Each structure stands twice: as structure tokens, then as C-alpha cells.
Amino acid sequence: MKKMLMTFAAVLCCIMAVSAQDAQKDRNKVYGITFGHVEYTHRGETPSDTETVGQMLMGSSTSDASVEAPKYEGDVKNAIVKGLSSAYRYRFNDASKESGLIADVLIANITLKPDTRTWDDKDGNTQTSTTYRATIETTITFKDAKTGAVVANPTFKGQAMGGMYADPAAAIGDANDRITTDITYWLNKNLPLQANILEDATAKNDKQKEAYIDLGSREGAFAGLHLGVYTLKTVAGRDAKSQLGKLKIEAVEGDDISRCKVLGGGKEMKAALDAGEQLVAISIN
């Protein structure tokens, strides 16, 4: 996994390579994601070349208990699309964005497992209750849109976190929510939002209490966003960063500025700012 993430990060560095004068402008550039080859493993079928992407995004029934799963294939597709498009710096199928990644999608499993319980009530009548647990699995192979090189192929498993549901659709919906969240989380971790700490921040005694960052509404800042604070140094010709603290955006106050509350590392942050060190903030999922 570590090697995969390092490869992903290295390719992203190539994607985002810009001149020094454009680095600030493009630091939080939003890229497009498009579908490439989409496969499914449903009843042993293979999608034809004439099928649309939407038709090819199918699921597989892995047991006799999952015979109803195919009718939820459209819901699974929507969950994947939502996850790909909800990341800070990616948009699905947006022609206005430079294409950064191509996603080859395999829907490997849609399981809807029933659990039937039978009992006799106080009048001696037999009662039956069936609840369902859903599991959805998909593997997405991300490729560099420019070179076609595979940069990562994570597998996402969505399982209903609320336990068993009387309504099968509710169980599927819960599992789909997990798929969406995990895909977005993965993308945000690998291509986060970045900002600089501004010097005109609020301090009390020897600790930083508030900080202003040069990230605002134009680049997708929002109240509640958590960021790690790092020092940047050059070691052996390479950038090296060390975490000092954490921030949370309290208010977005303009296109390029937000006010943050210091959640941790206030003393270290103040000392670094007083020493004239460069501090950067990077979004945390």
C-alpha cells in the first residue's frame, strides 16, 4: 500500500508540474476524472463495445441470497460517480477541467444477505421477520490521463454500517454511502488542498490561537475544513516537511483568505512564525 501511494504521489507531481510563477495559481488546481474501460462480473457476462458506460457499470450476484442485487446496479453506479466527483480537487466527467486521471472500474460484488427470524407470539401465532445486510465491492484502477500509466488500483468495500435493515433498499443505500465516502476520502488524501500561513495571525502569550491562511472560496475552502500545519525545508535538494500542529477553518472571509482556529501545536507554530520559517497548511480528511 505504501509503495502504491508513493507511486501515485510521484505521478501527481508530474501532472501538477508548473513553472515557479504559476505554482501559486495552480497549487489547488482541480482535475477531471473520466471513465476508461468499465467491466462487470454479473452472471459471467461480458459487456459489448457498443454498451454505454452506464450500462456497463453492473454488479455481480455472489450468492443465491443476492438475486435482487441487479436492480440496484444503477444506485451503485451513482455512488461511484458521486465519490469521484466530491473530492476537493477532482470532478467527474467535467469537460472544463484538464483531465488528470482515467478510472477503469470493476464492480465485483453486490451482495444483499437476508437474515430471517421466526418466533411464536403470545397468542401462539408464528411470526417471521427478515432483515438485510448489504456489501458492495469495487476496484478502481487510476491511470495518468496523459501517459496511460497505472498509478494506483485501490479496492473499496462498502458495508452497511447501520447493521441489518428491514428494507433491502435501505441496506444498499447504507453500503453505497460508505463506497462514496471511501472513494472521496482516498482522492482527498492523495491530492489535498494546500495553503500558506499568513503572518498576521492572532497569538496569546506564547501560543498561536488563530491563524489566517491564503485559502478562500475561490479554491474551495469551507468552514469546518481541518488542515495540518507543516514546516518546509530543503534537504538534499528535496522538499521535506514536518508537522507542527492542526487548524480548523472557522470562517471563509474572502476569495483568498480564511480564519482558522488552532487545534494543536500553537506554541510550536508561534515559535516557527517568530523565527521567520515558512509554514504551509494541508487539508486533512
Protein backbone atom coordinates (compact mmCIF):
# COMPACT_ATOMS: atom_id res chain seq x y z
CA MET A 1 0.00 0.00 0.00
CA LYS A 2 2.81 2.43 0.92
CA LYS A 3 4.58 1.80 -2.38
CA MET A 4 1.31 2.31 -4.26
CA LEU A 5 0.69 5.67 -2.56
CA MET A 6 4.28 6.79 -3.26
CA THR A 7 3.83 5.93 -6.94
CA PHE A 8 0.51 7.78 -7.02
CA ALA A 9 2.11 10.84 -5.44
CA ALA A 10 5.04 10.76 -7.86
CA VAL A 11 2.76 10.69 -10.90
CA LEU A 12 0.66 13.51 -9.46
CA CYS A 13 3.82 15.58 -9.15
CA CYS A 14 4.28 15.14 -12.88
CA ILE A 15 0.65 16.02 -13.56
CA MET A 16 0.93 19.18 -11.49
CA ALA A 17 4.38 20.28 -12.69
CA VAL A 18 4.23 24.03 -13.38
CA SER A 19 6.63 26.94 -13.63
CA ALA A 20 7.59 28.77 -10.44
CA GLN A 21 5.50 31.80 -11.34
CA ASP A 22 2.41 29.66 -11.87
CA ALA A 23 2.93 27.44 -8.82
CA GLN A 24 0.76 29.56 -6.54
CA LYS A 25 -2.03 29.83 -9.09
CA ASP A 26 -2.11 26.10 -9.83
CA ARG A 27 -1.39 24.72 -6.35
CA ASN A 28 -5.05 23.69 -5.87
CA LYS A 29 -5.91 23.08 -9.49
CA VAL A 30 -8.99 20.91 -10.00
CA TYR A 31 -8.63 17.99 -12.41
CA GLY A 32 -11.14 15.91 -14.27
CA ILE A 33 -11.73 12.18 -13.90
CA THR A 34 -13.27 10.18 -16.71
CA PHE A 35 -14.21 6.55 -17.06
CA GLY A 36 -11.99 4.38 -19.20
CA HIS A 37 -12.69 0.68 -19.57
CA VAL A 38 -15.55 -0.38 -17.31
CA GLU A 39 -16.21 -4.04 -16.58
CA TYR A 40 -18.60 -6.07 -14.51
CA THR A 41 -18.81 -9.68 -13.45
CA HIS A 42 -22.55 -10.22 -13.48
CA ARG A 43 -23.66 -13.78 -14.23
CA GLY A 44 -20.48 -14.36 -16.25
CA GLU A 45 -21.44 -11.84 -18.94
CA THR A 46 -19.00 -9.53 -20.73
CA PRO A 47 -20.10 -6.05 -21.85
CA SER A 48 -20.07 -5.41 -25.56
CA ASP A 49 -18.20 -2.49 -27.14
CA THR A 50 -21.50 -0.85 -28.06
CA GLU A 51 -22.78 -0.63 -24.49
CA THR A 52 -22.65 2.73 -22.79
CA VAL A 53 -20.68 3.36 -19.64
CA GLY A 54 -23.87 3.49 -17.63
CA GLN A 55 -24.98 0.13 -18.99
CA MET A 56 -21.59 -1.42 -18.27
CA LEU A 57 -21.47 -0.37 -14.64
CA MET A 58 -23.07 -3.54 -13.38
CA GLY A 59 -22.67 -5.65 -10.29
CA SER A 60 -22.22 -9.31 -9.60
CA SER A 61 -24.53 -11.51 -7.57
CA THR A 62 -22.31 -13.67 -5.40
CA SER A 63 -24.93 -15.90 -3.81
CA ASP A 64 -28.47 -17.11 -4.22
CA ALA A 65 -29.40 -14.71 -1.44
CA SER A 66 -28.44 -11.80 -3.70
CA VAL A 67 -30.82 -12.41 -6.58
CA GLU A 68 -32.35 -8.94 -6.15
CA ALA A 69 -28.99 -7.18 -6.33
CA PRO A 70 -29.06 -6.43 -10.11
CA LYS A 71 -31.90 -3.94 -9.68
CA TYR A 72 -29.60 -1.82 -7.51
CA GLU A 73 -26.83 -1.58 -10.11
CA GLY A 74 -27.85 1.94 -11.08
CA ASP A 75 -27.63 3.03 -7.45
CA VAL A 76 -24.10 1.63 -7.18
CA LYS A 77 -23.08 3.49 -10.32
CA ASN A 78 -24.38 6.75 -8.87
CA ALA A 79 -22.49 6.15 -5.62
CA ILE A 80 -19.21 5.69 -7.51
CA VAL A 81 -19.78 8.80 -9.62
CA LYS A 82 -20.60 10.83 -6.51
CA GLY A 83 -17.44 9.65 -4.81
CA LEU A 84 -15.27 10.52 -7.81
CA SER A 85 -16.83 13.97 -8.15
CA SER A 86 -16.97 15.02 -4.49
CA ALA A 87 -13.24 15.25 -3.88
CA TYR A 88 -11.67 18.64 -3.25
CA ARG A 89 -9.66 18.64 -6.45
CA TYR A 90 -11.39 16.23 -8.84
CA ARG A 91 -14.57 16.44 -10.87
CA PHE A 92 -16.13 13.55 -12.73
CA ASN A 93 -16.74 13.95 -16.45
CA ASP A 94 -16.21 17.73 -16.41
CA ALA A 95 -15.00 18.80 -19.85
CA SER A 96 -13.96 22.20 -18.49
CA LYS A 97 -11.24 20.60 -16.35
CA GLU A 98 -7.90 19.30 -17.54
CA SER A 99 -8.07 15.54 -17.41
CA GLY A 100 -5.89 14.21 -14.61
CA LEU A 101 -6.99 10.62 -14.15
CA ILE A 102 -8.79 7.90 -16.06
CA ALA A 103 -10.70 5.44 -13.90
CA ASP A 104 -11.09 1.83 -15.01
CA VAL A 105 -13.89 0.46 -12.84
CA LEU A 106 -14.71 -3.11 -11.90
CA ILE A 107 -17.87 -3.73 -9.88
CA ALA A 108 -17.04 -7.09 -8.34
CA ASN A 109 -19.78 -7.64 -5.82
CA ILE A 110 -23.27 -6.55 -4.83
CA THR A 111 -24.44 -8.81 -2.02
CA LEU A 112 -27.75 -8.49 -0.24
CA LYS A 113 -27.75 -11.05 2.56
CA PRO A 114 -31.04 -11.81 4.34
CA ASP A 115 -31.45 -12.98 7.91
CA THR A 116 -34.85 -14.48 8.67
CA ARG A 117 -36.04 -14.91 12.24
CA THR A 118 -39.12 -16.89 13.24
CA TRP A 119 -40.88 -16.93 16.61
CA ASP A 120 -44.26 -17.55 18.22
CA ASP A 121 -46.09 -14.58 19.68
CA LYS A 122 -48.09 -14.62 22.92
CA ASP A 123 -51.14 -15.96 21.07
CA GLY A 124 -49.21 -18.88 19.64
CA ASN A 125 -49.09 -17.45 16.13
CA THR A 126 -45.86 -17.86 14.17
CA GLN A 127 -44.23 -14.58 13.23
CA THR A 128 -41.47 -14.07 10.69
CA SER A 129 -39.10 -11.14 10.27
CA THR A 130 -36.43 -10.73 7.59
CA THR A 131 -33.65 -8.15 7.71
CA TYR A 132 -30.85 -7.47 5.21
CA ARG A 133 -27.18 -6.57 5.23
CA ALA A 134 -25.60 -5.22 2.04
CA THR A 135 -22.00 -5.42 0.84
CA ILE A 136 -20.62 -3.73 -2.28
CA GLU A 137 -17.08 -4.09 -3.62
CA THR A 138 -15.40 -2.22 -6.44
CA THR A 139 -11.83 -1.89 -7.66
CA ILE A 140 -10.83 1.31 -9.44
CA THR A 141 -7.62 1.39 -11.47
CA PHE A 142 -6.48 5.00 -11.77
CA LYS A 143 -4.34 5.87 -14.79
CA ASP A 144 -2.45 9.02 -15.68
CA ALA A 145 -4.60 10.65 -18.37
CA LYS A 146 -1.51 11.84 -20.26
CA THR A 147 0.68 8.74 -20.21
CA GLY A 148 -1.78 5.92 -19.51
CA ALA A 149 0.47 4.67 -16.69
CA VAL A 150 -1.27 2.90 -13.82
CA VAL A 151 -0.77 4.96 -10.67
CA ALA A 152 -2.95 3.05 -8.18
CA ASN A 153 -5.68 0.42 -8.02
CA PRO A 154 -7.45 0.63 -4.66
CA THR A 155 -10.36 -1.63 -3.75
CA PHE A 156 -13.33 -0.13 -1.92
CA LYS A 157 -15.71 -2.21 0.17
CA GLY A 158 -18.97 -0.69 1.26
CA GLN A 159 -20.83 -2.48 4.02
CA ALA A 160 -23.98 -1.27 5.71
CA MET A 161 -22.77 0.32 8.91
CA GLY A 162 -26.21 0.60 10.47
CA GLY A 163 -26.48 -3.17 10.84
CA MET A 164 -29.46 -5.08 9.47
CA TYR A 165 -32.31 -3.33 7.66
CA ALA A 166 -35.89 -4.44 7.12
CA ASP A 167 -35.84 -2.62 3.78
CA PRO A 168 -33.32 -4.05 1.26
CA ALA A 169 -33.04 -0.67 -0.47
CA ALA A 170 -32.02 0.96 2.82
CA ALA A 171 -29.25 -1.61 3.30
CA ILE A 172 -27.97 -0.95 -0.24
CA GLY A 173 -28.16 2.80 0.37
CA ASP A 174 -26.07 2.50 3.53
CA ALA A 175 -23.40 0.45 1.75
CA ASN A 176 -23.39 2.90 -1.16
CA ASP A 177 -22.83 5.80 1.24
CA ARG A 178 -19.71 4.05 2.52
CA ILE A 179 -18.45 3.49 -1.06
CA THR A 180 -18.95 7.19 -1.86
CA THR A 181 -17.22 8.33 1.34
CA ASP A 182 -14.25 5.99 0.94
CA ILE A 183 -13.61 6.97 -2.69
CA THR A 184 -13.73 10.68 -1.85
CA TYR A 185 -11.52 10.17 1.22
CA TRP A 186 -8.94 8.31 -0.85
CA LEU A 187 -8.76 11.02 -3.50
CA ASN A 188 -8.57 13.83 -0.94
CA LYS A 189 -5.73 12.10 0.87
CA ASN A 190 -3.70 11.85 -2.30
CA LEU A 191 -4.42 15.33 -3.68
CA PRO A 192 -5.23 17.65 -0.77
CA LEU A 193 -5.87 21.38 -0.61
CA GLN A 194 -2.83 23.50 0.23
CA ALA A 195 -2.37 26.94 1.74
CA ASN A 196 0.22 29.23 3.29
CA ILE A 197 0.02 30.53 6.86
CA LEU A 198 -0.16 34.33 6.87
CA GLU A 199 1.91 36.27 9.34
CA ASP A 200 -0.91 38.49 10.63
CA ALA A 201 -2.36 35.81 12.93
CA THR A 202 -3.68 36.11 16.48
CA ALA A 203 -1.49 34.90 19.34
CA LYS A 204 -1.82 34.89 23.12
CA ASN A 205 1.19 34.64 25.40
CA ASP A 206 3.50 32.13 23.73
CA LYS A 207 0.83 30.26 21.74
CA GLN A 208 -0.86 30.76 18.43
CA LYS A 209 -4.64 30.85 18.97
CA GLU A 210 -5.83 31.77 15.49
CA ALA A 211 -4.23 31.82 12.09
CA TYR A 212 -5.13 33.23 8.73
CA ILE A 213 -4.43 31.21 5.61
CA ASP A 214 -4.41 32.28 1.96
CA LEU A 215 -7.11 29.77 1.02
CA GLY A 216 -10.59 31.10 0.36
CA SER A 217 -13.78 30.46 -1.53
CA ARG A 218 -12.07 30.58 -4.93
CA GLU A 219 -10.09 27.43 -4.19
CA GLY A 220 -12.79 25.52 -2.34
CA ALA A 221 -12.25 26.47 1.31
CA PHE A 222 -15.18 25.90 3.65
CA ALA A 223 -15.90 26.31 7.36
CA GLY A 224 -15.04 23.11 9.23
CA LEU A 225 -12.17 22.04 6.97
CA HIS A 226 -9.29 20.59 9.02
CA LEU A 227 -5.69 21.18 8.00
CA GLY A 228 -2.30 20.06 9.22
CA VAL A 229 0.41 22.72 9.66
CA TYR A 230 3.91 21.92 8.46
CA THR A 231 7.34 23.49 8.23
CA LEU A 232 9.04 23.21 4.85
CA LYS A 233 12.75 22.69 4.44
CA THR A 234 15.01 21.62 1.60
CA VAL A 235 17.07 18.55 2.43
CA ALA A 236 19.47 17.10 -0.15
CA GLY A 237 17.69 19.03 -2.85
CA ARG A 238 14.26 17.74 -1.89
CA ASP A 239 11.38 19.33 -0.02
CA ALA A 240 10.90 17.90 3.45
CA LYS A 241 8.01 18.75 5.73
CA SER A 242 7.44 18.24 9.44
CA GLN A 243 4.04 18.64 11.11
CA LEU A 244 3.74 21.25 13.83
CA GLY A 245 0.02 21.49 14.52
CA LYS A 246 -3.56 21.43 13.29
CA LEU A 247 -6.12 24.03 12.21
CA LYS A 248 -9.83 24.19 11.56
CA ILE A 249 -11.33 26.84 9.31
CA GLU A 250 -13.77 28.92 11.36
CA ALA A 251 -14.81 31.35 8.64
CA VAL A 252 -14.09 31.87 4.95
CA GLU A 253 -13.57 35.62 4.75
CA GLY A 254 -12.87 36.13 1.07
CA ASP A 255 -11.73 34.65 -2.22
CA ASP A 256 -8.25 34.01 -0.86
CA ILE A 257 -8.38 34.19 2.91
CA SER A 258 -9.87 32.19 5.80
CA ARG A 259 -9.67 32.49 9.56
CA CYS A 260 -8.71 29.32 11.40
CA LYS A 261 -8.77 28.12 14.97
CA VAL A 262 -5.57 26.44 16.17
CA LEU A 263 -6.46 22.96 17.41
CA GLY A 264 -2.95 21.86 18.32
CA GLY A 265 0.67 22.90 18.18
CA GLY A 266 0.02 26.56 18.94
CA LYS A 267 3.29 27.03 20.80
CA GLU A 268 5.35 25.42 18.06
CA MET A 269 3.56 27.41 15.36
CA LYS A 270 4.21 30.74 17.09
CA ALA A 271 7.88 29.91 17.58
CA ALA A 272 8.24 28.98 13.91
CA LEU A 273 6.47 32.15 12.74
CA ASP A 274 8.59 34.31 15.05
CA ALA A 275 11.68 32.67 13.57
CA GLY A 276 10.51 33.52 10.05
CA GLU A 277 10.01 29.91 8.99
CA GLN A 278 7.72 29.08 6.10
CA LEU A 279 4.58 27.30 7.26
CA VAL A 280 2.11 25.56 4.99
CA ALA A 281 -1.30 24.05 5.70
CA ILE A 282 -2.51 20.87 4.00
CA SER A 283 -6.06 19.58 4.25
CA ILE A 284 -6.72 16.53 6.43
CA ASN A 285 -9.61 14.17 5.68
